[in-house]
Amino acid sequence: MLNEDYDNELVRIQEQLTREQIHGLERCFRQFAGFPHFDELMLLSFKLNLGLNMII
């Protein structure tokens, strides 16, 4: 039971970090929205890469 609680808490922390990191990226992209290279496609790419890195 203790190991299961630990695993659940670890997953919760990893999910929270992922959300916080994604929100940080979104804030950065909003700041640089005027630049042509910082668009929604690049933001989506970062989100996907971040998600994959958390899985691997």
PDB file of N, CA and C in Angstrom:
ATOM      1  N   MET A   1       0.828  -1.198   0.000  1.00  0.00           N
ATOM      2  CA  MET A   1       0.000   0.000   0.000  1.00  0.00           C
ATOM      3  C   MET A   1       0.869   1.258   0.000  1.00  0.00           C
ATOM      4  N   LEU A   2       1.930   1.253   0.782  1.00  0.00           N
ATOM      5  CA  LEU A   2       2.810   2.416   0.854  1.00  0.00           C
ATOM      6  C   LEU A   2       3.472   2.685  -0.494  1.00  0.00           C
ATOM      7  N   ASN A   3       3.915   1.628  -1.171  1.00  0.00           N
ATOM      8  CA  ASN A   3       4.531   1.796  -2.491  1.00  0.00           C
ATOM      9  C   ASN A   3       3.537   2.360  -3.498  1.00  0.00           C
ATOM     10  N   GLU A   4       2.301   1.901  -3.411  1.00  0.00           N
ATOM     11  CA  GLU A   4       1.271   2.391  -4.327  1.00  0.00           C
ATOM     12  C   GLU A   4       1.005   3.881  -4.084  1.00  0.00           C
ATOM     13  N   ASP A   5       0.950   4.286  -2.816  1.00  0.00           N
ATOM     14  CA  ASP A   5       0.764   5.703  -2.485  1.00  0.00           C
ATOM     15  C   ASP A   5       1.933   6.529  -3.013  1.00  0.00           C
ATOM     16  N   TYR A   6       3.134   6.012  -2.848  1.00  0.00           N
ATOM     17  CA  TYR A   6       4.335   6.704  -3.327  1.00  0.00           C
ATOM     18  C   TYR A   6       4.280   6.859  -4.843  1.00  0.00           C
ATOM     19  N   ASP A   7       3.930   5.777  -5.546  1.00  0.00           N
ATOM     20  CA  ASP A   7       3.844   5.822  -7.009  1.00  0.00           C
ATOM     21  C   ASP A   7       2.789   6.824  -7.467  1.00  0.00           C
ATOM     22  N   ASN A   8       1.636   6.822  -6.799  1.00  0.00           N
ATOM     23  CA  ASN A   8       0.571   7.762  -7.161  1.00  0.00           C
ATOM     24  C   ASN A   8       1.009   9.204  -6.943  1.00  0.00           C
ATOM     25  N   GLU A   9       1.697   9.453  -5.843  1.00  0.00           N
ATOM     26  CA  GLU A   9       2.182  10.804  -5.557  1.00  0.00           C
ATOM     27  C   GLU A   9       3.242  11.224  -6.571  1.00  0.00           C
ATOM     28  N   LEU A  10       4.110  10.307  -6.943  1.00  0.00           N
ATOM     29  CA  LEU A  10       5.138  10.597  -7.938  1.00  0.00           C
ATOM     30  C   LEU A  10       4.506  10.972  -9.273  1.00  0.00           C
ATOM     31  N   VAL A  11       3.500  10.230  -9.688  1.00  0.00           N
ATOM     32  CA  VAL A  11       2.794  10.531 -10.941  1.00  0.00           C
ATOM     33  C   VAL A  11       2.138  11.903 -10.856  1.00  0.00           C
ATOM     34  N   ARG A  12       1.521  12.207  -9.718  1.00  0.00           N
ATOM     35  CA  ARG A  12       0.855  13.497  -9.544  1.00  0.00           C
ATOM     36  C   ARG A  12       1.864  14.643  -9.647  1.00  0.00           C
ATOM     37  N   ILE A  13       3.024  14.481  -9.024  1.00  0.00           N
ATOM     38  CA  ILE A  13       4.065  15.512  -9.075  1.00  0.00           C
ATOM     39  C   ILE A  13       4.574  15.690 -10.500  1.00  0.00           C
ATOM     40  N   GLN A  14       4.794  14.588 -11.214  1.00  0.00           N
ATOM     41  CA  GLN A  14       5.271  14.676 -12.596  1.00  0.00           C
ATOM     42  C   GLN A  14       4.252  15.383 -13.478  1.00  0.00           C
ATOM     43  N   GLU A  15       2.963  15.088 -13.281  1.00  0.00           N
ATOM     44  CA  GLU A  15       1.927  15.753 -14.064  1.00  0.00           C
ATOM     45  C   GLU A  15       1.893  17.242 -13.753  1.00  0.00           C
ATOM     46  N   GLN A  16       2.047  17.599 -12.486  1.00  0.00           N
ATOM     47  CA  GLN A  16       2.038  19.007 -12.094  1.00  0.00           C
ATOM     48  C   GLN A  16       3.228  19.742 -12.700  1.00  0.00           C
ATOM     49  N   LEU A  17       4.401  19.127 -12.648  1.00  0.00           N
ATOM     50  CA  LEU A  17       5.581  19.749 -13.245  1.00  0.00           C
ATOM     51  C   LEU A  17       5.365  19.969 -14.734  1.00  0.00           C
ATOM     52  N   THR A  18       4.786  18.987 -15.384  1.00  0.00           N
ATOM     53  CA  THR A  18       4.540  19.101 -16.816  1.00  0.00           C
ATOM     54  C   THR A  18       3.619  20.280 -17.099  1.00  0.00           C
ATOM     55  N   ARG A  19       2.535  20.398 -16.331  1.00  0.00           N
ATOM     56  CA  ARG A  19       1.602  21.512 -16.540  1.00  0.00           C
ATOM     57  C   ARG A  19       2.293  22.852 -16.287  1.00  0.00           C
ATOM     58  N   GLU A  20       3.080  22.927 -15.223  1.00  0.00           N
ATOM     59  CA  GLU A  20       3.782  24.173 -14.914  1.00  0.00           C
ATOM     60  C   GLU A  20       4.781  24.521 -16.011  1.00  0.00           C
ATOM     61  N   GLN A  21       5.481  23.529 -16.532  1.00  0.00           N
ATOM     62  CA  GLN A  21       6.448  23.776 -17.600  1.00  0.00           C
ATOM     63  C   GLN A  21       5.738  24.238 -18.867  1.00  0.00           C
ATOM     64  N   ILE A  22       4.618  23.623 -19.177  1.00  0.00           N
ATOM     65  CA  ILE A  22       3.852  24.008 -20.363  1.00  0.00           C
ATOM     66  C   ILE A  22       3.331  25.434 -20.209  1.00  0.00           C
ATOM     67  N   HIS A  23       2.829  25.769 -19.029  1.00  0.00           N
ATOM     68  CA  HIS A  23       2.335  27.131 -18.813  1.00  0.00           C
ATOM     69  C   HIS A  23       3.474  28.140 -18.928  1.00  0.00           C
ATOM     70  N   GLY A  24       4.650  27.771 -18.453  1.00  0.00           N
ATOM     71  CA  GLY A  24       5.819  28.639 -18.598  1.00  0.00           C
ATOM     72  C   GLY A  24       6.166  28.865 -20.060  1.00  0.00           C
ATOM     73  N   LEU A  25       6.119  27.798 -20.845  1.00  0.00           N
ATOM     74  CA  LEU A  25       6.379  27.934 -22.282  1.00  0.00           C
ATOM     75  C   LEU A  25       5.336  28.822 -22.945  1.00  0.00           C
ATOM     76  N   GLU A  26       4.068  28.645 -22.552  1.00  0.00           N
ATOM     77  CA  GLU A  26       3.011  29.464 -23.135  1.00  0.00           C
ATOM     78  C   GLU A  26       3.231  30.941 -22.822  1.00  0.00           C
ATOM     79  N   ARG A  27       3.645  31.248 -21.605  1.00  0.00           N
ATOM     80  CA  ARG A  27       3.929  32.642 -21.248  1.00  0.00           C
ATOM     81  C   ARG A  27       5.063  33.196 -22.116  1.00  0.00           C
ATOM     82  N   CYS A  28       6.106  32.409 -22.302  1.00  0.00           N
ATOM     83  CA  CYS A  28       7.232  32.844 -23.142  1.00  0.00           C
ATOM     84  C   CYS A  28       6.774  33.105 -24.569  1.00  0.00           C
ATOM     85  N   PHE A  29       5.963  32.216 -25.099  1.00  0.00           N
ATOM     86  CA  PHE A  29       5.518  32.380 -26.478  1.00  0.00           C
ATOM     87  C   PHE A  29       4.614  33.591 -26.628  1.00  0.00           C
ATOM     88  N   ARG A  30       3.803  33.881 -25.606  1.00  0.00           N
ATOM     89  CA  ARG A  30       2.965  35.077 -25.680  1.00  0.00           C
ATOM     90  C   ARG A  30       3.831  36.337 -25.704  1.00  0.00           C
ATOM     91  N   GLN A  31       4.928  36.319 -24.959  1.00  0.00           N
ATOM     92  CA  GLN A  31       5.821  37.477 -24.928  1.00  0.00           C
ATOM     93  C   GLN A  31       6.474  37.710 -26.291  1.00  0.00           C
ATOM     94  N   PHE A  32       6.741  36.632 -27.007  1.00  0.00           N
ATOM     95  CA  PHE A  32       7.419  36.740 -28.299  1.00  0.00           C
ATOM     96  C   PHE A  32       6.462  36.545 -29.471  1.00  0.00           C
ATOM     97  N   ALA A  33       5.185  36.802 -29.242  1.00  0.00           N
ATOM     98  CA  ALA A  33       4.165  36.534 -30.261  1.00  0.00           C
ATOM     99  C   ALA A  33       4.384  37.337 -31.538  1.00  0.00           C
ATOM    100  N   GLY A  34       5.055  38.472 -31.448  1.00  0.00           N
ATOM    101  CA  GLY A  34       5.273  39.301 -32.631  1.00  0.00           C
ATOM    102  C   GLY A  34       6.323  38.753 -33.581  1.00  0.00           C
ATOM    103  N   PHE A  35       7.138  37.848 -33.104  1.00  0.00           N
ATOM    104  CA  PHE A  35       8.186  37.287 -33.950  1.00  0.00           C
ATOM    105  C   PHE A  35       7.617  36.142 -34.788  1.00  0.00           C
ATOM    106  N   PRO A  36       7.949  36.105 -36.075  1.00  0.00           N
ATOM    107  CA  PRO A  36       7.333  35.115 -36.968  1.00  0.00           C
ATOM    108  C   PRO A  36       7.665  33.662 -36.622  1.00  0.00           C
ATOM    109  N   HIS A  37       8.763  33.408 -35.948  1.00  0.00           N
ATOM    110  CA  HIS A  37       9.144  32.021 -35.684  1.00  0.00           C
ATOM    111  C   HIS A  37       8.472  31.439 -34.445  1.00  0.00           C
ATOM    112  N   PHE A  38       7.848  32.274 -33.652  1.00  0.00           N
ATOM    113  CA  PHE A  38       7.197  31.811 -32.432  1.00  0.00           C
ATOM    114  C   PHE A  38       5.699  31.760 -32.663  1.00  0.00           C
ATOM    115  N   ASP A  39       5.228  30.668 -33.208  1.00  0.00           N
ATOM    116  CA  ASP A  39       3.812  30.554 -33.521  1.00  0.00           C
ATOM    117  C   ASP A  39       3.208  29.359 -32.794  1.00  0.00           C
ATOM    118  N   GLU A  40       1.941  29.125 -33.046  1.00  0.00           N
ATOM    119  CA  GLU A  40       1.227  28.049 -32.359  1.00  0.00           C
ATOM    120  C   GLU A  40       1.790  26.665 -32.690  1.00  0.00           C
ATOM    121  N   LEU A  41       2.259  26.486 -33.901  1.00  0.00           N
ATOM    122  CA  LEU A  41       2.819  25.189 -34.274  1.00  0.00           C
ATOM    123  C   LEU A  41       4.065  24.879 -33.455  1.00  0.00           C
ATOM    124  N   MET A  42       4.908  25.875 -33.246  1.00  0.00           N
ATOM    125  CA  MET A  42       6.108  25.664 -32.440  1.00  0.00           C
ATOM    126  C   MET A  42       5.730  25.378 -30.988  1.00  0.00           C
ATOM    127  N   LEU A  43       4.729  26.079 -30.473  1.00  0.00           N
ATOM    128  CA  LEU A  43       4.272  25.837 -29.106  1.00  0.00           C
ATOM    129  C   LEU A  43       3.758  24.407 -28.973  1.00  0.00           C
ATOM    130  N   LEU A  44       2.986  23.961 -29.939  1.00  0.00           N
ATOM    131  CA  LEU A  44       2.490  22.589 -29.917  1.00  0.00           C
ATOM    132  C   LEU A  44       3.644  21.599 -29.952  1.00  0.00           C
ATOM    133  N   SER A  45       4.648  21.882 -30.742  1.00  0.00           N
ATOM    134  CA  SER A  45       5.824  21.022 -30.821  1.00  0.00           C
ATOM    135  C   SER A  45       6.511  20.904 -29.462  1.00  0.00           C
ATOM    136  N   PHE A  46       6.674  22.033 -28.769  1.00  0.00           N
ATOM    137  CA  PHE A  46       7.282  21.999 -27.439  1.00  0.00           C
ATOM    138  C   PHE A  46       6.436  21.192 -26.467  1.00  0.00           C
ATOM    139  N   LYS A  47       5.118  21.358 -26.530  1.00  0.00           N
ATOM    140  CA  LYS A  47       4.228  20.610 -25.639  1.00  0.00           C
ATOM    141  C   LYS A  47       4.373  19.111 -25.875  1.00  0.00           C
ATOM    142  N   LEU A  48       4.393  18.715 -27.142  1.00  0.00           N
ATOM    143  CA  LEU A  48       4.518  17.295 -27.463  1.00  0.00           C
ATOM    144  C   LEU A  48       5.865  16.744 -27.019  1.00  0.00           C
ATOM    145  N   ASN A  49       6.931  17.492 -27.266  1.00  0.00           N
ATOM    146  CA  ASN A  49       8.258  17.046 -26.847  1.00  0.00           C
ATOM    147  C   ASN A  49       8.358  16.938 -25.340  1.00  0.00           C
ATOM    148  N   LEU A  50       7.808  17.902 -24.641  1.00  0.00           N
ATOM    149  CA  LEU A  50       7.830  17.877 -23.184  1.00  0.00           C
ATOM    150  C   LEU A  50       7.066  16.664 -22.668  1.00  0.00           C
ATOM    151  N   GLY A  51       5.910  16.396 -23.267  1.00  0.00           N
ATOM    152  CA  GLY A  51       5.123  15.235 -22.863  1.00  0.00           C
ATOM    153  C   GLY A  51       5.864  13.935 -23.120  1.00  0.00           C
ATOM    154  N   LEU A  52       6.506  13.827 -24.263  1.00  0.00           N
ATOM    155  CA  LEU A  52       7.258  12.611 -24.579  1.00  0.00           C
ATOM    156  C   LEU A  52       8.449  12.438 -23.647  1.00  0.00           C
ATOM    157  N   ASN A  53       9.122  13.541 -23.306  1.00  0.00           N
ATOM    158  CA  ASN A  53      10.259  13.453 -22.393  1.00  0.00           C
ATOM    159  C   ASN A  53       9.838  12.982 -21.011  1.00  0.00           C
ATOM    160  N   MET A  54       8.648  13.338 -20.585  1.00  0.00           N
ATOM    161  CA  MET A  54       8.170  12.908 -19.273  1.00  0.00           C
ATOM    162  C   MET A  54       7.817  11.421 -19.288  1.00  0.00           C
ATOM    163  N   ILE A  55       7.420  10.906 -20.449  1.00  0.00           N
ATOM    164  CA  ILE A  55       7.050   9.492 -20.567  1.00  0.00           C
ATOM    165  C   ILE A  55       8.287   8.613 -20.628  1.00  0.00           C
ATOM    166  N   ILE A  56       9.286   9.068 -21.366  1.00  0.00           N
ATOM    167  CA  ILE A  56      10.489   8.257 -21.595  1.00  0.00           C
ATOM    168  C   ILE A  56      11.357   8.181 -20.389  1.00  0.00           C
TER     169      ILE A  56
END
